[in-house]
PDB file of N, CA and C in Angstrom:
ATOM      1  N   LEU A   1     -15.954 -25.980  67.356  1.00  0.00           N
ATOM      2  CA  LEU A   1     -16.446 -27.389  67.271  1.00  0.00           C
ATOM      3  C   LEU A   1     -16.773 -27.874  68.500  1.00  0.00           C
ATOM      4  N   PRO A   2     -16.396 -27.728  69.710  1.00  0.00           N
ATOM      5  CA  PRO A   2     -17.105 -28.114  70.838  1.00  0.00           C
ATOM      6  C   PRO A   2     -18.216 -28.138  71.093  1.00  0.00           C
ATOM      7  N   ILE A   3     -18.748 -26.901  70.437  1.00  0.00           N
ATOM      8  CA  ILE A   3     -20.202 -26.365  70.552  1.00  0.00           C
ATOM      9  C   ILE A   3     -21.023 -27.738  69.968  1.00  0.00           C
ATOM     10  N   TYR A   4     -20.700 -28.557  68.917  1.00  0.00           N
ATOM     11  CA  TYR A   4     -21.509 -29.447  68.432  1.00  0.00           C
ATOM     12  C   TYR A   4     -21.599 -30.489  69.573  1.00  0.00           C
ATOM     13  N   ASP A   5     -20.619 -30.518  70.163  1.00  0.00           N
ATOM     14  CA  ASP A   5     -21.305 -31.898  71.044  1.00  0.00           C
ATOM     15  C   ASP A   5     -22.184 -31.586  71.963  1.00  0.00           C
ATOM     16  N   ILE A   6     -21.938 -30.660  72.691  1.00  0.00           N
ATOM     17  CA  ILE A   6     -23.140 -29.831  73.017  1.00  0.00           C
ATOM     18  C   ILE A   6     -24.688 -30.288  72.408  1.00  0.00           C
ATOM     19  N   GLN A   7     -24.741 -29.845  71.394  1.00  0.00           N
ATOM     20  CA  GLN A   7     -25.795 -29.327  70.590  1.00  0.00           C
ATOM     21  C   GLN A   7     -26.121 -31.027  70.189  1.00  0.00           C
ATOM     22  N   ILE A   8     -25.177 -31.506  70.011  1.00  0.00           N
ATOM     23  CA  ILE A   8     -25.666 -32.851  69.866  1.00  0.00           C
ATOM     24  C   ILE A   8     -26.101 -33.523  70.961  1.00  0.00           C
ATOM     25  N   ASN A   9     -25.695 -33.818  71.943  1.00  0.00           N
ATOM     26  CA  ASN A   9     -26.440 -34.265  73.537  1.00  0.00           C
ATOM     27  C   ASN A   9     -27.297 -33.271  73.750  1.00  0.00           C
ATOM     28  N   ARG A  10     -27.331 -32.316  73.576  1.00  0.00           N
ATOM     29  CA  ARG A  10     -29.279 -31.681  73.618  1.00  0.00           C
ATOM     30  C   ARG A  10     -30.005 -32.512  72.668  1.00  0.00           C
ATOM     31  N   ILE A  11     -29.849 -32.698  71.375  1.00  0.00           N
ATOM     32  CA  ILE A  11     -30.495 -33.124  70.896  1.00  0.00           C
ATOM     33  C   ILE A  11     -31.079 -34.413  71.191  1.00  0.00           C
ATOM     34  N   MET A  12     -29.766 -35.383  71.448  1.00  0.00           N
ATOM     35  CA  MET A  12     -30.250 -36.677  71.809  1.00  0.00           C
ATOM     36  C   MET A  12     -30.614 -36.735  72.748  1.00  0.00           C
ATOM     37  N   SER A  13     -30.975 -35.939  73.787  1.00  0.00           N
ATOM     38  CA  SER A  13     -31.306 -36.069  75.055  1.00  0.00           C
ATOM     39  C   SER A  13     -32.795 -35.050  75.169  1.00  0.00           C
ATOM     40  N   GLY A  14     -33.580 -34.985  74.214  1.00  0.00           N
ATOM     41  CA  GLY A  14     -34.729 -34.476  74.011  1.00  0.00           C
ATOM     42  C   GLY A  14     -34.835 -32.908  74.422  1.00  0.00           C
ATOM     43  N   HIS A  15     -33.555 -31.975  74.387  1.00  0.00           N
ATOM     44  CA  HIS A  15     -34.134 -30.736  75.019  1.00  0.00           C
ATOM     45  C   HIS A  15     -34.125 -29.973  74.041  1.00  0.00           C
ATOM     46  N   ARG A  16     -34.067 -30.414  73.128  1.00  0.00           N
ATOM     47  CA  ARG A  16     -34.536 -29.438  71.342  1.00  0.00           C
ATOM     48  C   ARG A  16     -35.454 -30.592  70.836  1.00  0.00           C
ATOM     49  N   ASN A  17     -36.800 -29.412  70.688  1.00  0.00           N
ATOM     50  CA  ASN A  17     -37.529 -29.938  69.401  1.00  0.00           C
ATOM     51  C   ASN A  17     -37.546 -29.167  68.201  1.00  0.00           C
ATOM     52  N   PHE A  18     -36.713 -29.641  67.114  1.00  0.00           N
ATOM     53  CA  PHE A  18     -36.793 -28.858  65.969  1.00  0.00           C
ATOM     54  C   PHE A  18     -37.731 -28.532  65.333  1.00  0.00           C
ATOM     55  N   TRP A  19     -38.857 -29.099  65.661  1.00  0.00           N
ATOM     56  CA  TRP A  19     -40.068 -28.652  64.963  1.00  0.00           C
ATOM     57  C   TRP A  19     -40.866 -27.853  66.006  1.00  0.00           C
ATOM     58  N   GLU A  20     -40.688 -27.378  66.897  1.00  0.00           N
ATOM     59  CA  GLU A  20     -41.167 -26.529  67.893  1.00  0.00           C
ATOM     60  C   GLU A  20     -40.849 -25.088  67.437  1.00  0.00           C
ATOM     61  N   VAL A  21     -42.197 -24.353  67.401  1.00  0.00           N
ATOM     62  CA  VAL A  21     -41.899 -23.081  67.190  1.00  0.00           C
ATOM     63  C   VAL A  21     -41.525 -21.773  68.548  1.00  0.00           C
ATOM     64  N   ASP A  22     -40.141 -21.375  68.252  1.00  0.00           N
ATOM     65  CA  ASP A  22     -40.009 -20.349  69.507  1.00  0.00           C
ATOM     66  C   ASP A  22     -40.483 -18.902  69.096  1.00  0.00           C
ATOM     67  N   ASP A  23     -40.816 -18.026  70.085  1.00  0.00           N
ATOM     68  CA  ASP A  23     -41.096 -16.527  69.888  1.00  0.00           C
ATOM     69  C   ASP A  23     -40.181 -15.601  69.694  1.00  0.00           C
ATOM     70  N   SER A  24     -39.040 -16.015  70.155  1.00  0.00           N
ATOM     71  CA  SER A  24     -37.607 -15.431  69.601  1.00  0.00           C
ATOM     72  C   SER A  24     -37.819 -14.753  68.114  1.00  0.00           C
ATOM     73  N   PRO A  25     -37.491 -13.718  67.384  1.00  0.00           N
ATOM     74  CA  PRO A  25     -37.334 -13.441  66.255  1.00  0.00           C
ATOM     75  C   PRO A  25     -36.043 -14.156  65.741  1.00  0.00           C
ATOM     76  N   PRO A  26     -36.437 -14.650  64.616  1.00  0.00           N
ATOM     77  CA  PRO A  26     -35.351 -15.384  63.592  1.00  0.00           C
ATOM     78  C   PRO A  26     -34.417 -14.319  62.958  1.00  0.00           C
ATOM     79  N   ASP A  27     -32.857 -14.657  63.460  1.00  0.00           N
ATOM     80  CA  ASP A  27     -31.958 -13.776  62.791  1.00  0.00           C
ATOM     81  C   ASP A  27     -30.843 -15.135  61.749  1.00  0.00           C
ATOM     82  N   ASN A  28     -30.365 -14.399  61.222  1.00  0.00           N
ATOM     83  CA  ASN A  28     -29.261 -15.205  60.312  1.00  0.00           C
ATOM     84  C   ASN A  28     -28.383 -16.184  61.196  1.00  0.00           C
ATOM     85  N   PHE A  29     -27.887 -15.664  62.073  1.00  0.00           N
ATOM     86  CA  PHE A  29     -27.120 -16.854  63.102  1.00  0.00           C
ATOM     87  C   PHE A  29     -27.999 -17.783  63.989  1.00  0.00           C
ATOM     88  N   ARG A  30     -29.209 -17.335  64.257  1.00  0.00           N
ATOM     89  CA  ARG A  30     -30.008 -18.608  64.768  1.00  0.00           C
ATOM     90  C   ARG A  30     -30.178 -19.537  63.781  1.00  0.00           C
ATOM     91  N   LYS A  31     -30.824 -19.308  62.265  1.00  0.00           N
ATOM     92  CA  LYS A  31     -30.659 -20.264  61.266  1.00  0.00           C
ATOM     93  C   LYS A  31     -29.680 -21.087  60.795  1.00  0.00           C
ATOM     94  N   ALA A  32     -28.714 -20.556  61.132  1.00  0.00           N
ATOM     95  CA  ALA A  32     -27.244 -20.968  60.643  1.00  0.00           C
ATOM     96  C   ALA A  32     -27.138 -22.032  61.810  1.00  0.00           C
ATOM     97  N   ALA A  33     -26.894 -21.960  62.992  1.00  0.00           N
ATOM     98  CA  ALA A  33     -27.081 -22.692  64.091  1.00  0.00           C
ATOM     99  C   ALA A  33     -27.822 -23.886  64.220  1.00  0.00           C
ATOM    100  N   PHE A  34     -29.887 -23.871  63.948  1.00  0.00           N
ATOM    101  CA  PHE A  34     -30.700 -24.719  63.281  1.00  0.00           C
ATOM    102  C   PHE A  34     -29.875 -25.231  62.481  1.00  0.00           C
ATOM    103  N   VAL A  35     -29.299 -24.996  61.258  1.00  0.00           N
ATOM    104  CA  VAL A  35     -28.923 -25.835  60.090  1.00  0.00           C
ATOM    105  C   VAL A  35     -27.534 -26.572  60.613  1.00  0.00           C
ATOM    106  N   GLU A  36     -26.853 -25.995  61.550  1.00  0.00           N
ATOM    107  CA  GLU A  36     -25.569 -26.640  61.861  1.00  0.00           C
ATOM    108  C   GLU A  36     -26.082 -28.088  62.744  1.00  0.00           C
ATOM    109  N   GLU A  37     -27.120 -27.867  63.794  1.00  0.00           N
ATOM    110  CA  GLU A  37     -27.451 -28.592  64.742  1.00  0.00           C
ATOM    111  C   GLU A  37     -28.245 -29.857  63.804  1.00  0.00           C
ATOM    112  N   LEU A  38     -29.271 -29.540  62.860  1.00  0.00           N
ATOM    113  CA  LEU A  38     -29.664 -30.447  62.334  1.00  0.00           C
ATOM    114  C   LEU A  38     -28.675 -31.254  61.581  1.00  0.00           C
ATOM    115  N   GLY A  39     -27.742 -30.921  60.996  1.00  0.00           N
ATOM    116  CA  GLY A  39     -27.154 -31.490  60.379  1.00  0.00           C
ATOM    117  C   GLY A  39     -26.169 -32.193  60.641  1.00  0.00           C
ATOM    118  N   CYS A  40     -25.797 -31.954  62.329  1.00  0.00           N
ATOM    119  CA  CYS A  40     -25.037 -33.044  62.933  1.00  0.00           C
ATOM    120  C   CYS A  40     -26.199 -33.802  63.697  1.00  0.00           C
ATOM    121  N   PHE A  41     -26.969 -33.847  63.933  1.00  0.00           N
ATOM    122  CA  PHE A  41     -27.884 -34.798  64.025  1.00  0.00           C
ATOM    123  C   PHE A  41     -28.542 -36.022  63.121  1.00  0.00           C
ATOM    124  N   VAL A  42     -28.720 -35.288  61.930  1.00  0.00           N
ATOM    125  CA  VAL A  42     -29.162 -36.250  60.612  1.00  0.00           C
ATOM    126  C   VAL A  42     -27.555 -37.486  60.787  1.00  0.00           C
ATOM    127  N   TYR A  43     -26.294 -36.307  60.873  1.00  0.00           N
ATOM    128  CA  TYR A  43     -25.098 -37.480  60.933  1.00  0.00           C
ATOM    129  C   TYR A  43     -24.929 -38.536  61.702  1.00  0.00           C
ATOM    130  N   LEU A  44     -25.347 -38.155  63.104  1.00  0.00           N
ATOM    131  CA  LEU A  44     -25.385 -39.323  64.104  1.00  0.00           C
ATOM    132  C   LEU A  44     -26.340 -40.165  63.800  1.00  0.00           C
ATOM    133  N   THR A  45     -27.387 -39.716  63.164  1.00  0.00           N
ATOM    134  CA  THR A  45     -28.681 -40.399  63.342  1.00  0.00           C
ATOM    135  C   THR A  45     -28.379 -41.505  62.223  1.00  0.00           C
ATOM    136  N   CYS A  46     -27.680 -40.767  61.286  1.00  0.00           N
ATOM    137  CA  CYS A  46     -27.427 -41.995  59.946  1.00  0.00           C
ATOM    138  C   CYS A  46     -26.220 -42.915  60.225  1.00  0.00           C
ATOM    139  N   LEU A  47     -25.187 -42.234  61.257  1.00  0.00           N
ATOM    140  CA  LEU A  47     -24.129 -43.085  61.703  1.00  0.00           C
ATOM    141  C   LEU A  47     -24.828 -44.648  62.463  1.00  0.00           C
ATOM    142  N   ARG A  48     -25.575 -44.302  63.635  1.00  0.00           N
ATOM    143  CA  ARG A  48     -26.418 -45.134  64.541  1.00  0.00           C
ATOM    144  C   ARG A  48     -27.089 -45.894  63.445  1.00  0.00           C
ATOM    145  N   LEU A  49     -28.191 -45.861  62.648  1.00  0.00           N
ATOM    146  CA  LEU A  49     -29.384 -46.070  62.199  1.00  0.00           C
ATOM    147  C   LEU A  49     -28.717 -47.315  60.566  1.00  0.00           C
ATOM    148  N   LEU A  50     -27.819 -46.315  59.683  1.00  0.00           N
ATOM    149  CA  LEU A  50     -27.214 -46.876  58.745  1.00  0.00           C
ATOM    150  C   LEU A  50     -26.059 -46.647  58.467  1.00  0.00           C
ATOM    151  N   PRO A  51     -25.025 -47.214  59.325  1.00  0.00           N
ATOM    152  CA  PRO A  51     -23.887 -47.035  58.674  1.00  0.00           C
ATOM    153  C   PRO A  51     -23.469 -47.662  57.499  1.00  0.00           C
ATOM    154  N   ALA A  52     -24.135 -48.801  56.886  1.00  0.00           N
ATOM    155  CA  ALA A  52     -23.216 -48.850  55.501  1.00  0.00           C
ATOM    156  C   ALA A  52     -23.815 -48.086  54.440  1.00  0.00           C
ATOM    157  N   LEU A  53     -24.696 -46.880  54.256  1.00  0.00           N
ATOM    158  CA  LEU A  53     -24.759 -45.730  53.739  1.00  0.00           C
ATOM    159  C   LEU A  53     -23.962 -44.758  53.886  1.00  0.00           C
ATOM    160  N   VAL A  54     -23.266 -44.238  55.431  1.00  0.00           N
ATOM    161  CA  VAL A  54     -22.216 -43.353  55.621  1.00  0.00           C
ATOM    162  C   VAL A  54     -20.909 -44.095  55.050  1.00  0.00           C
ATOM    163  N   ARG A  55     -20.769 -45.166  54.670  1.00  0.00           N
ATOM    164  CA  ARG A  55     -19.775 -45.528  54.454  1.00  0.00           C
ATOM    165  C   ARG A  55     -19.565 -45.530  53.114  1.00  0.00           C
ATOM    166  N   GLN A  56     -20.924 -45.756  52.450  1.00  0.00           N
ATOM    167  CA  GLN A  56     -20.819 -45.164  50.765  1.00  0.00           C
ATOM    168  C   GLN A  56     -20.450 -44.193  50.653  1.00  0.00           C
ATOM    169  N   TRP A  57     -20.906 -43.180  51.445  1.00  0.00           N
ATOM    170  CA  TRP A  57     -20.835 -41.558  51.131  1.00  0.00           C
ATOM    171  C   TRP A  57     -19.624 -41.267  51.275  1.00  0.00           C
ATOM    172  N   TYR A  58     -19.008 -41.856  52.380  1.00  0.00           N
ATOM    173  CA  TYR A  58     -17.618 -41.734  52.767  1.00  0.00           C
ATOM    174  C   TYR A  58     -16.321 -42.218  51.651  1.00  0.00           C
ATOM    175  N   ALA A  59     -16.852 -43.096  51.376  1.00  0.00           N
ATOM    176  CA  ALA A  59     -15.509 -43.618  50.114  1.00  0.00           C
ATOM    177  C   ALA A  59     -15.588 -42.880  49.223  1.00  0.00           C
ATOM    178  N   ARG A  60     -16.792 -42.362  48.837  1.00  0.00           N
ATOM    179  CA  ARG A  60     -17.001 -41.185  47.854  1.00  0.00           C
ATOM    180  C   ARG A  60     -16.267 -39.634  47.605  1.00  0.00           C
ATOM    181  N   LEU A  61     -15.736 -39.489  48.989  1.00  0.00           N
ATOM    182  CA  LEU A  61     -15.021 -38.002  49.287  1.00  0.00           C
ATOM    183  C   LEU A  61     -13.920 -37.857  49.071  1.00  0.00           C
ATOM    184  N   ASP A  62     -13.589 -36.840  48.733  1.00  0.00           N
ATOM    185  CA  ASP A  62     -12.241 -36.317  48.648  1.00  0.00           C
ATOM    186  C   ASP A  62     -11.069 -36.264  49.609  1.00  0.00           C
ATOM    187  N   LYS A  63      -9.970 -36.714  49.454  1.00  0.00           N
ATOM    188  CA  LYS A  63      -9.144 -36.683  50.424  1.00  0.00           C
ATOM    189  C   LYS A  63      -8.968 -35.521  51.929  1.00  0.00           C
ATOM    190  N   ASN A  64      -9.283 -34.170  51.379  1.00  0.00           N
ATOM    191  CA  ASN A  64      -9.655 -32.990  52.304  1.00  0.00           C
ATOM    192  C   ASN A  64     -10.731 -33.400  53.209  1.00  0.00           C
ATOM    193  N   ALA A  65     -11.890 -33.655  52.284  1.00  0.00           N
ATOM    194  CA  ALA A  65     -13.024 -34.069  53.067  1.00  0.00           C
ATOM    195  C   ALA A  65     -13.165 -35.419  54.139  1.00  0.00           C
ATOM    196  N   THR A  66     -12.326 -36.538  53.547  1.00  0.00           N
ATOM    197  CA  THR A  66     -12.281 -37.591  54.496  1.00  0.00           C
ATOM    198  C   THR A  66     -11.455 -37.041  55.870  1.00  0.00           C
ATOM    199  N   THR A  67     -10.709 -36.372  55.600  1.00  0.00           N
ATOM    200  CA  THR A  67      -9.728 -35.702  56.617  1.00  0.00           C
ATOM    201  C   THR A  67     -10.562 -34.834  58.227  1.00  0.00           C
ATOM    202  N   ALA A  68     -11.276 -34.354  57.279  1.00  0.00           N
ATOM    203  CA  ALA A  68     -12.187 -33.265  58.222  1.00  0.00           C
ATOM    204  C   ALA A  68     -13.469 -33.877  59.117  1.00  0.00           C
ATOM    205  N   VAL A  69     -13.952 -34.930  58.294  1.00  0.00           N
ATOM    206  CA  VAL A  69     -15.011 -35.839  58.174  1.00  0.00           C
ATOM    207  C   VAL A  69     -14.557 -36.844  59.551  1.00  0.00           C
ATOM    208  N   ASP A  70     -12.887 -37.530  59.532  1.00  0.00           N
ATOM    209  CA  ASP A  70     -12.378 -38.295  60.306  1.00  0.00           C
ATOM    210  C   ASP A  70     -12.413 -37.576  61.734  1.00  0.00           C
ATOM    211  N   ARG A  71     -11.987 -36.288  61.534  1.00  0.00           N
ATOM    212  CA  ARG A  71     -11.450 -35.447  62.359  1.00  0.00           C
ATOM    213  C   ARG A  71     -12.575 -35.128  63.402  1.00  0.00           C
ATOM    214  N   PHE A  72     -13.671 -34.495  62.863  1.00  0.00           N
ATOM    215  CA  PHE A  72     -15.183 -34.261  63.557  1.00  0.00           C
ATOM    216  C   PHE A  72     -15.900 -35.284  64.095  1.00  0.00           C
ATOM    217  N   THR A  73     -15.607 -36.943  63.284  1.00  0.00           N
ATOM    218  CA  THR A  73     -16.237 -38.044  63.732  1.00  0.00           C
ATOM    219  C   THR A  73     -15.503 -38.504  65.090  1.00  0.00           C
ATOM    220  N   SER A  74     -14.039 -38.416  64.948  1.00  0.00           N
ATOM    221  CA  SER A  74     -13.893 -38.905  66.520  1.00  0.00           C
ATOM    222  C   SER A  74     -13.578 -38.117  67.193  1.00  0.00           C
ATOM    223  N   GLN A  75     -13.812 -37.266  67.289  1.00  0.00           N
ATOM    224  CA  GLN A  75     -13.726 -35.921  68.314  1.00  0.00           C
ATOM    225  C   GLN A  75     -15.105 -35.806  68.808  1.00  0.00           C
ATOM    226  N   PHE A  76     -16.271 -35.682  68.201  1.00  0.00           N
ATOM    227  CA  PHE A  76     -17.352 -34.868  68.503  1.00  0.00           C
ATOM    228  C   PHE A  76     -18.518 -36.382  68.727  1.00  0.00           C
ATOM    229  N   VAL A  77     -18.396 -37.403  67.516  1.00  0.00           N
ATOM    230  CA  VAL A  77     -19.918 -38.209  67.316  1.00  0.00           C
ATOM    231  C   VAL A  77     -19.076 -39.243  68.105  1.00  0.00           C
ATOM    232  N   SER A  78     -18.062 -40.081  67.781  1.00  0.00           N
ATOM    233  CA  SER A  78     -17.811 -41.675  68.567  1.00  0.00           C
ATOM    234  C   SER A  78     -17.635 -41.707  69.895  1.00  0.00           C
ATOM    235  N   PRO A  79     -17.341 -40.502  70.684  1.00  0.00           N
ATOM    236  CA  PRO A  79     -17.952 -40.601  72.487  1.00  0.00           C
ATOM    237  C   PRO A  79     -19.279 -40.422  72.380  1.00  0.00           C
ATOM    238  N   ILE A  80     -20.165 -39.964  71.830  1.00  0.00           N
ATOM    239  CA  ILE A  80     -21.859 -40.036  71.808  1.00  0.00           C
ATOM    240  C   ILE A  80     -22.306 -41.564  71.287  1.00  0.00           C
ATOM    241  N   LEU A  81     -21.713 -42.014  70.374  1.00  0.00           N
ATOM    242  CA  LEU A  81     -22.310 -43.532  69.870  1.00  0.00           C
ATOM    243  C   LEU A  81     -21.616 -44.100  71.063  1.00  0.00           C
ATOM    244  N   ILE A  82     -20.143 -44.023  71.573  1.00  0.00           N
ATOM    245  CA  ILE A  82     -19.845 -45.295  72.241  1.00  0.00           C
ATOM    246  C   ILE A  82     -20.484 -45.072  73.621  1.00  0.00           C
ATOM    247  N   GLN A  83     -20.684 -43.782  74.267  1.00  0.00           N
ATOM    248  CA  GLN A  83     -21.603 -43.515  75.514  1.00  0.00           C
ATOM    249  C   GLN A  83     -22.855 -44.383  75.244  1.00  0.00           C
ATOM    250  N   GLN A  84     -23.847 -44.099  74.276  1.00  0.00           N
ATOM    251  CA  GLN A  84     -24.739 -44.427  74.287  1.00  0.00           C
ATOM    252  C   GLN A  84     -25.057 -46.394  74.445  1.00  0.00           C
ATOM    253  N   GLU A  85     -24.155 -46.732  73.343  1.00  0.00           N
ATOM    254  CA  GLU A  85     -23.787 -48.387  72.857  1.00  0.00           C
ATOM    255  C   GLU A  85     -23.477 -49.161  74.901  1.00  0.00           C
ATOM    256  N   LEU A  86     -22.398 -48.152  75.382  1.00  0.00           N
ATOM    257  CA  LEU A  86     -22.124 -48.342  76.891  1.00  0.00           C
ATOM    258  C   LEU A  86     -23.158 -48.503  77.667  1.00  0.00           C
ATOM    259  N   GLU A  87     -23.874 -47.577  77.394  1.00  0.00           N
ATOM    260  CA  GLU A  87     -25.199 -47.314  78.501  1.00  0.00           C
ATOM    261  C   GLU A  87     -25.954 -48.758  78.163  1.00  0.00           C
ATOM    262  N   SER A  88     -26.723 -48.803  76.724  1.00  0.00           N
ATOM    263  CA  SER A  88     -27.646 -49.905  76.606  1.00  0.00           C
ATOM    264  C   SER A  88     -26.735 -51.286  76.716  1.00  0.00           C
ATOM    265  N   ILE A  89     -25.584 -51.415  76.884  1.00  0.00           N
ATOM    266  CA  ILE A  89     -25.051 -52.816  77.548  1.00  0.00           C
ATOM    267  C   ILE A  89     -25.630 -52.846  79.150  1.00  0.00           C
ATOM    268  N   LEU A  90     -25.053 -51.583  79.810  1.00  0.00           N
ATOM    269  CA  LEU A  90     -25.323 -51.620  80.894  1.00  0.00           C
ATOM    270  C   LEU A  90     -26.559 -52.025  81.794  1.00  0.00           C
ATOM    271  N   ARG A  91     -27.710 -51.415  80.367  1.00  0.00           N
ATOM    272  CA  ARG A  91     -28.873 -51.543  81.116  1.00  0.00           C
ATOM    273  C   ARG A  91     -29.853 -53.066  80.795  1.00  0.00           C
ATOM    274  N   LYS A  92     -28.903 -53.736  79.630  1.00  0.00           N
ATOM    275  CA  LYS A  92     -29.341 -55.406  79.851  1.00  0.00           C
ATOM    276  C   LYS A  92     -29.254 -56.224  81.358  1.00  0.00           C
ATOM    277  N   PRO A  93     -29.695 -56.993  81.598  1.00  0.00           N
ATOM    278  CA  PRO A  93     -29.878 -57.653  82.911  1.00  0.00           C
ATOM    279  C   PRO A  93     -28.655 -58.522  82.925  1.00  0.00           C
ATOM    280  N   TYR A  94     -27.972 -58.653  83.226  1.00  0.00           N
ATOM    281  CA  TYR A  94     -26.687 -59.480  83.436  1.00  0.00           C
ATOM    282  C   TYR A  94     -27.103 -60.948  84.096  1.00  0.00           C
ATOM    283  N   SER A  95     -26.761 -61.652  83.295  1.00  0.00           N
ATOM    284  CA  SER A  95     -26.559 -63.372  83.329  1.00  0.00           C
ATOM    285  C   SER A  95     -25.498 -64.166  83.149  1.00  0.00           C
ATOM    286  N   SER A  96     -25.091 -65.173  84.276  1.00  0.00           N
ATOM    287  CA  SER A  96     -24.136 -65.783  84.087  1.00  0.00           C
ATOM    288  C   SER A  96     -24.589 -67.130  83.481  1.00  0.00           C
ATOM    289  N   ALA A  97     -25.667 -67.478  82.996  1.00  0.00           N
ATOM    290  CA  ALA A  97     -25.969 -68.604  82.371  1.00  0.00           C
ATOM    291  C   ALA A  97     -25.321 -69.117  81.466  1.00  0.00           C
ATOM    292  N   ASN A  98     -24.807 -67.996  80.273  1.00  0.00           N
ATOM    293  CA  ASN A  98     -23.896 -68.353  79.104  1.00  0.00           C
ATOM    294  C   ASN A  98     -22.427 -68.452  79.543  1.00  0.00           C
ATOM    295  N   MET A  99     -21.748 -68.053  80.689  1.00  0.00           N
ATOM    296  CA  MET A  99     -20.603 -68.318  80.810  1.00  0.00           C
ATOM    297  C   MET A  99     -20.359 -69.800  81.442  1.00  0.00           C
ATOM    298  N   GLN A 100     -18.752 -70.154  81.098  1.00  0.00           N
ATOM    299  CA  GLN A 100     -18.624 -71.180  81.011  1.00  0.00           C
ATOM    300  C   GLN A 100     -17.180 -71.335  82.236  1.00  0.00           C
TER     301      GLN A 100
END
């Protein structure tokens, strides 16, 4: 599973364009990796943009699936979302005008 973290970071940083066709011959492993990367990207994007939808989906899962989703999310997705949120906070100009 650690490969997902690398793949998600590559996708989010723009190192991979899903719609770009390369010249290497397609094989089953590459196709499977592409589907896994696409799934990770969709899940991460949904968590960022549509969290209520993900919560509804999650509420309908069985116990085994929730355990797997919890483990995957906390280990690989949450650190990315937290890092992105902290970076967006740091990019905002600091103003002490609202501090009392």
